[in-house]
Protein backbone atom coordinates (compact mmCIF):
# COMPACT_ATOMS: atom_id res chain seq x y z
CA UNK A 1 97.02 93.51 109.63
CA UNK A 2 94.56 90.44 109.07
CA UNK A 3 92.93 92.48 106.20
CA UNK A 4 93.83 94.88 104.01
CA UNK A 5 90.95 97.13 103.31
CA UNK A 6 91.61 98.95 99.62
CA UNK A 7 89.89 101.84 98.15
CA UNK A 8 87.94 101.35 94.54
CA UNK A 9 91.30 102.40 92.90
CA UNK A 10 93.14 99.38 93.91
CA UNK A 11 91.69 95.86 93.92
CA UNK A 12 94.49 94.40 94.99
CA UNK A 13 93.22 90.63 93.79
CA UNK A 14 93.50 92.11 90.04
CA UNK A 15 95.18 95.19 89.91
CA UNK A 16 98.55 95.50 89.30
CA UNK A 17 100.24 99.06 90.60
CA UNK A 18 103.23 100.12 89.15
CA UNK A 19 105.21 102.93 89.68
CA UNK A 20 106.98 104.35 86.73
CA UNK A 21 110.18 106.70 86.66
CA UNK A 22 109.13 108.30 83.24
CA UNK A 23 112.08 110.60 83.70
CA UNK A 24 115.53 111.65 86.16
CA UNK A 25 114.77 114.91 84.90
CA UNK A 26 114.19 117.27 87.70
CA UNK A 27 113.60 120.76 88.33
CA UNK A 28 113.73 120.76 92.01
CA UNK A 29 116.87 119.64 94.19
CA UNK A 30 115.39 118.99 97.84
CA UNK A 31 118.04 118.35 100.30
CA UNK A 32 115.94 115.49 101.92
CA UNK A 33 115.60 114.17 98.55
CA UNK A 34 116.13 109.93 98.27
CA UNK A 35 117.18 110.72 94.64
CA UNK A 36 118.89 113.96 94.76
CA UNK A 37 122.20 111.91 93.58
CA UNK A 38 121.05 110.14 90.40
CA UNK A 39 118.63 113.08 89.30
CA UNK A 40 119.80 113.63 85.48
CA UNK A 41 118.42 113.91 82.30
CA UNK A 42 118.27 110.35 81.40
CA UNK A 43 114.95 109.61 79.46
CA UNK A 44 114.11 106.84 77.04
CA UNK A 45 112.79 108.10 73.63
CA UNK A 46 108.68 107.80 73.42
CA UNK A 47 108.87 104.88 71.25
CA UNK A 48 110.31 102.67 74.27
CA UNK A 49 107.69 104.61 76.36
CA UNK A 50 104.46 103.75 73.95
CA UNK A 51 106.20 99.93 73.88
CA UNK A 52 105.96 99.63 77.64
CA UNK A 53 102.56 100.90 77.68
CA UNK A 54 101.60 98.21 75.55
CA UNK A 55 103.05 95.90 77.27
CA UNK A 56 100.94 96.89 80.22
CA UNK A 57 98.07 96.67 77.92
CA UNK A 58 99.03 92.95 77.20
CA UNK A 59 98.16 92.12 81.17
CA UNK A 60 95.34 90.77 82.19
CA UNK A 61 94.80 92.55 85.04
CA UNK A 62 94.03 96.26 85.51
CA UNK A 63 96.57 98.84 85.91
CA UNK A 64 97.09 101.53 88.39
CA UNK A 65 99.85 103.52 86.89
CA UNK A 66 102.02 105.97 89.21
CA UNK A 67 104.12 108.54 87.13
CA UNK A 68 106.47 109.24 88.78
CA UNK A 69 110.29 110.98 87.97
CA UNK A 70 112.34 113.47 88.65
CA UNK A 71 109.16 115.20 87.73
CA UNK A 72 107.01 113.97 85.45
CA UNK A 73 105.35 116.90 84.31
CA UNK A 74 108.49 118.04 82.57
CA UNK A 75 109.19 115.06 80.39
CA UNK A 76 108.98 115.39 76.89
CA UNK A 77 106.56 112.79 76.26
CA UNK A 78 104.28 113.84 79.22
CA UNK A 79 100.85 114.52 77.64
CA UNK A 80 102.24 111.39 75.00
CA UNK A 81 101.91 109.24 77.73
CA UNK A 82 98.30 110.59 79.06
CA UNK A 83 96.96 110.65 75.53
CA UNK A 84 98.08 107.23 74.33
CA UNK A 85 96.58 105.87 77.82
CA UNK A 86 93.58 107.22 77.34
CA UNK A 87 93.24 106.20 73.77
CA UNK A 88 94.01 102.33 75.66
CA UNK A 89 91.43 102.75 77.43
CA UNK A 90 89.17 103.58 74.83
CA UNK A 91 89.98 100.90 72.53
CA UNK A 92 89.53 98.33 75.53
CA UNK A 93 86.40 99.82 76.06
CA UNK A 94 87.09 100.19 79.82
CA UNK A 95 89.17 101.79 82.20
CA UNK A 96 91.97 99.34 82.77
CA UNK A 97 94.56 101.99 83.29
CA UNK A 98 94.04 104.31 86.11
CA UNK A 99 96.61 106.77 86.88
CA UNK A 100 98.21 109.12 89.60
CA UNK A 101 100.88 111.69 88.69
CA UNK A 102 103.26 112.48 91.43
CA UNK A 103 104.00 116.31 90.81
CA UNK A 104 106.19 118.72 92.96
CA UNK A 105 103.26 121.12 91.34
CA UNK A 106 105.72 123.64 90.24
CA UNK A 107 104.35 123.97 86.66
CA UNK A 108 102.84 127.56 85.82
CA UNK A 109 99.02 128.40 85.94
CA UNK A 110 98.88 128.44 82.17
CA UNK A 111 99.69 124.36 82.09
CA UNK A 112 96.86 123.88 84.44
CA UNK A 113 94.38 125.85 82.41
CA UNK A 114 95.50 124.15 79.11
CA UNK A 115 95.69 120.57 80.63
CA UNK A 116 93.40 118.35 78.60
CA UNK A 117 90.90 116.80 80.41
CA UNK A 118 90.97 113.03 79.82
CA UNK A 119 88.01 110.19 80.13
CA UNK A 120 90.84 108.30 81.96
CA UNK A 121 90.98 108.36 85.57
CA UNK A 122 93.58 110.78 86.46
CA UNK A 123 94.62 112.06 89.98
CA UNK A 124 97.14 114.81 90.30
CA UNK A 125 99.53 113.88 93.79
CA UNK A 126 100.36 117.19 94.66
CA UNK A 127 103.73 116.74 96.84
CA UNK A 128 104.91 119.96 97.83
CA UNK A 129 107.83 120.64 99.31
CA UNK A 130 108.65 122.98 102.22
CA UNK A 131 111.87 124.57 100.52
CA UNK A 132 110.12 125.58 97.18
CA UNK A 133 106.51 126.88 98.64
CA UNK A 134 104.84 129.91 97.27
CA UNK A 135 101.76 129.90 98.77
CA UNK A 136 99.69 132.70 96.87
CA UNK A 137 100.79 130.53 93.82
CA UNK A 138 99.77 127.23 95.22
CA UNK A 139 96.13 128.36 96.07
CA UNK A 140 95.97 130.04 92.98
CA UNK A 141 96.82 126.97 90.65
CA UNK A 142 94.50 124.83 93.67
CA UNK A 143 91.72 127.20 92.19
CA UNK A 144 92.39 126.20 88.71
CA UNK A 145 92.25 122.54 89.36
CA UNK A 146 88.88 122.97 91.13
CA UNK A 147 87.16 124.69 88.61
CA UNK A 148 88.22 122.97 85.79
CA UNK A 149 87.66 119.44 87.76
CA UNK A 150 90.66 118.29 87.57
CA UNK A 151 91.24 115.27 90.50
CA UNK A 152 93.62 116.09 92.50
CA UNK A 153 95.39 115.12 96.32
CA UNK A 154 96.87 118.01 98.19
CA UNK A 155 100.08 115.97 99.72
CA UNK A 156 102.51 117.97 101.85
CA UNK A 157 106.04 117.58 102.83
CA UNK A 158 106.32 118.13 106.53
CA UNK A 159 109.50 119.09 107.82
CA UNK A 160 110.20 120.66 111.03
CA UNK A 161 112.19 123.11 109.99
CA UNK A 162 109.26 124.43 107.78
CA UNK A 163 106.56 123.85 110.42
CA UNK A 164 104.98 127.18 110.07
CA UNK A 165 104.46 126.79 106.11
CA UNK A 166 103.13 123.23 107.18
CA UNK A 167 100.62 124.58 109.28
CA UNK A 168 99.54 126.84 106.52
CA UNK A 169 99.40 124.23 104.08
CA UNK A 170 97.13 122.44 106.47
CA UNK A 171 94.84 125.39 106.72
CA UNK A 172 94.56 126.11 102.91
CA UNK A 173 93.25 122.31 102.65
CA UNK A 174 90.73 122.82 105.70
CA UNK A 175 89.90 126.00 103.58
CA UNK A 176 88.98 123.94 100.36
CA UNK A 177 88.14 120.85 101.86
CA UNK A 178 90.80 118.81 99.82
CA UNK A 179 91.76 115.36 99.68
CA UNK A 180 94.45 116.15 102.57
CA UNK A 181 96.98 113.24 102.67
CA UNK A 182 100.06 114.45 104.67
CA UNK A 183 103.11 112.92 103.32
CA UNK A 184 106.33 112.40 105.60
CA UNK A 185 108.73 113.59 108.27
CA UNK A 186 111.84 113.78 106.63
CA UNK A 187 115.48 112.83 107.56
CA UNK A 188 118.44 114.41 105.25
CA UNK A 189 119.37 112.25 102.82
CA UNK A 190 118.30 109.08 104.08
CA UNK A 191 114.93 108.73 102.29
CA UNK A 192 111.58 109.46 103.57
CA UNK A 193 110.13 108.06 107.03
CA UNK A 194 107.10 108.34 109.20
CA UNK A 195 107.49 109.32 112.58
CA UNK A 196 111.61 109.83 112.24
CA UNK A 197 111.10 112.32 115.12
CA UNK A 198 108.74 110.60 117.49
CA UNK A 199 108.36 113.85 119.78
CA UNK A 200 107.77 116.36 116.69
CA UNK A 201 105.40 113.78 115.52
CA UNK A 202 103.46 113.45 118.39
CA UNK A 203 103.27 117.42 119.41
CA UNK A 204 102.15 118.00 115.59
CA UNK A 205 99.64 115.21 115.39
CA UNK A 206 97.23 117.01 113.75
CA UNK A 207 98.79 117.91 110.83
CA UNK A 208 99.06 114.03 110.09
CA UNK A 209 95.19 113.58 110.73
CA UNK A 210 93.05 112.18 107.97
CA UNK A 211 89.51 111.12 108.58
CA UNK A 212 89.27 109.39 105.33
CA UNK A 213 92.65 106.87 105.60
CA UNK A 214 92.14 104.29 107.93
CA UNK A 215 93.44 100.60 108.71
CA UNK A 216 91.53 97.49 109.65
CA UNK A 217 92.97 95.44 112.02
CA UNK A 218 90.62 92.69 113.63
CA UNK A 219 87.20 94.39 112.16
CA UNK A 220 88.35 97.71 113.73
CA UNK A 221 89.36 100.38 111.89
CA UNK A 222 92.36 102.80 112.88
CA UNK A 223 93.15 106.21 112.18
CA UNK A 224 95.94 106.02 109.97
CA UNK A 225 98.01 108.66 111.80
CA UNK A 226 97.36 107.30 114.92
CA UNK A 227 98.56 103.62 113.65
CA UNK A 228 101.87 104.96 113.81
CA UNK A 229 101.87 105.73 117.17
CA UNK A 230 100.98 101.68 117.99
CA UNK A 231 104.15 99.78 118.74
CA UNK A 232 101.82 96.61 118.61
CA UNK A 233 100.56 96.72 115.58
CA UNK A 234 103.69 97.96 114.08
CA UNK A 235 105.60 94.76 115.14
CA UNK A 236 103.15 92.73 113.74
CA UNK A 237 104.25 90.08 111.11
CA UNK A 238 102.88 88.13 108.67
CA UNK A 239 100.89 91.02 106.56
CA UNK A 240 97.95 89.20 104.37
CA UNK A 241 98.39 90.99 101.21
CA UNK A 242 99.16 90.44 96.97
CA UNK A 243 102.38 90.87 96.07
CA UNK A 244 101.53 92.81 92.70
CA UNK A 245 103.69 96.26 93.46
CA UNK A 246 106.37 96.76 90.70
CA UNK A 247 108.50 99.57 89.53
CA UNK A 248 109.59 100.37 86.41
CA UNK A 249 112.95 102.60 85.85
CA UNK A 250 113.62 105.21 83.32
CA UNK A 251 115.59 102.74 81.13
CA UNK A 252 112.43 100.01 80.84
CA UNK A 253 114.12 97.51 83.63
CA UNK A 254 111.60 96.40 86.62
CA UNK A 255 112.03 95.67 89.93
CA UNK A 256 109.34 94.19 92.49
CA UNK A 257 109.10 96.88 95.69
CA UNK A 258 107.89 94.14 97.60
CA UNK A 259 111.14 92.01 99.29
CA UNK A 260 109.38 88.93 99.37
CA UNK A 261 109.92 88.69 95.80
CA UNK A 262 113.21 86.50 94.70
CA UNK A 263 114.11 87.95 91.08
CA UNK A 264 115.41 91.32 91.49
CA UNK A 265 114.73 92.56 87.21
CA UNK A 266 112.44 91.09 84.99
CA UNK A 267 112.39 91.54 81.37
CA UNK A 268 109.24 94.03 80.65
CA UNK A 269 107.14 91.20 78.70
CA UNK A 270 106.95 89.74 81.75
CA UNK A 271 103.55 91.14 81.94
CA UNK A 272 102.44 88.66 79.36
CA UNK A 273 102.34 85.75 81.49
CA UNK A 274 102.32 87.36 85.07
CA UNK A 275 100.51 85.96 87.69
CA UNK A 276 99.96 87.82 91.33
CA UNK A 277 100.62 85.35 94.06
CA UNK A 278 98.80 85.63 97.56
CA UNK A 279 101.91 85.51 99.85
CA UNK A 280 102.37 85.78 104.16
CA UNK A 281 105.27 88.75 104.06
CA UNK A 282 108.07 88.35 106.81
CA UNK A 283 108.30 91.92 107.10
CA UNK A 284 108.66 93.30 110.37
CA UNK A 285 106.28 96.55 109.61
CA UNK A 286 104.92 97.38 105.85
CA UNK A 287 106.98 100.59 105.54
CA UNK A 288 106.04 101.66 101.77
CA UNK A 289 103.71 104.49 102.74
CA UNK A 290 102.50 105.42 98.84
CA UNK A 291 100.87 101.76 98.65
CA UNK A 292 99.46 102.19 102.45
CA UNK A 293 98.15 105.31 101.45
CA UNK A 294 95.33 103.75 99.05
CA UNK A 295 94.22 102.06 101.99
CA UNK A 296 90.71 103.11 102.78
CA UNK A 297 87.69 102.39 104.64
CA UNK A 298 85.55 101.42 101.40
CA UNK A 299 85.59 98.33 100.38
C-alpha cells in the first residue's frame, strides 16, 4: 500500500491513535474471545484514569481515543471519562480528543435513553456478538440511538456457526441504512482473523461488503472486502504509514501496536516529548483490522 487514505477522524500525520483498556471487567464470556483468560475485575481508580487523560492532553498531537475493555460501559468511571474528555476539549477550545467506544451493546434501553449528549465527537462501535444476540432488543436500542442522534457504527461479529443471525443483522443494517462495518470471522480462542475460512468468506462475501470502505493502491480504490481476496496485494511489503498507534492497558502501562518500534513499554509521560516518525514497515501484511477500518475514500 504505497498511499494510505484516511478518514477525517484519523489524520495520521498529526494524530495519535490510542486504544485504552479502561477496565478488564466484562459481562460476556464469548467462546472465541482472545482475552477470555485475562478478563477480570481489574480497574485502576479514577484519579489514575484522570492522570492518563491529562498526560494525553499534553501531547501536541490530536488524540483519537478508542475505549476498550472488557466492556467499557460497565466501568464505574465510564461517564466520568466521557465528562472529562468533554471538559478537556472545551478547555482546549477545539476537538483535540475524538472518541470511539467499543461496546458489546449489552446495556439496557434506559441506559441509552439517559446517555448524555457530548460536544466531543463520540462514536459507539457496536460490536455485536453472535452468542449473545437478541435481535428485538438490538433494534429497539438502535431506534433510541437514532432518535437521540447518537453516532454509532453497526459492527457485527460474523461466525459461520451463527450465519442465520449474521444475515438478519445484515438485513437490519440495510433496513436502517446504518454505517455497516462487519467485523471478523473468528477462530476459537486464537484471536480474530479475516478470511480464516476462505471458502465460507467467498460464499458469504455480501455480508462483508461496505461501499464506504476502500483501500487505495496505485491511485485505484479497491473495495475493502475484495482486498482480502487479492493475494498479490496481501503479499506487498513496505507499507507507507505513520507509526502513531499505541495501547494503554488497564494498569496504565503502554505498548506500541506496531511491530517496528524497538521499545515495548513506555511510561505514560512519554507523550510530553513524543514524536511521530514516518517509517517503512517490513511486515508482509498489516492485519490490524481496527486501524485499517478507519481508512476511507475521503481525504
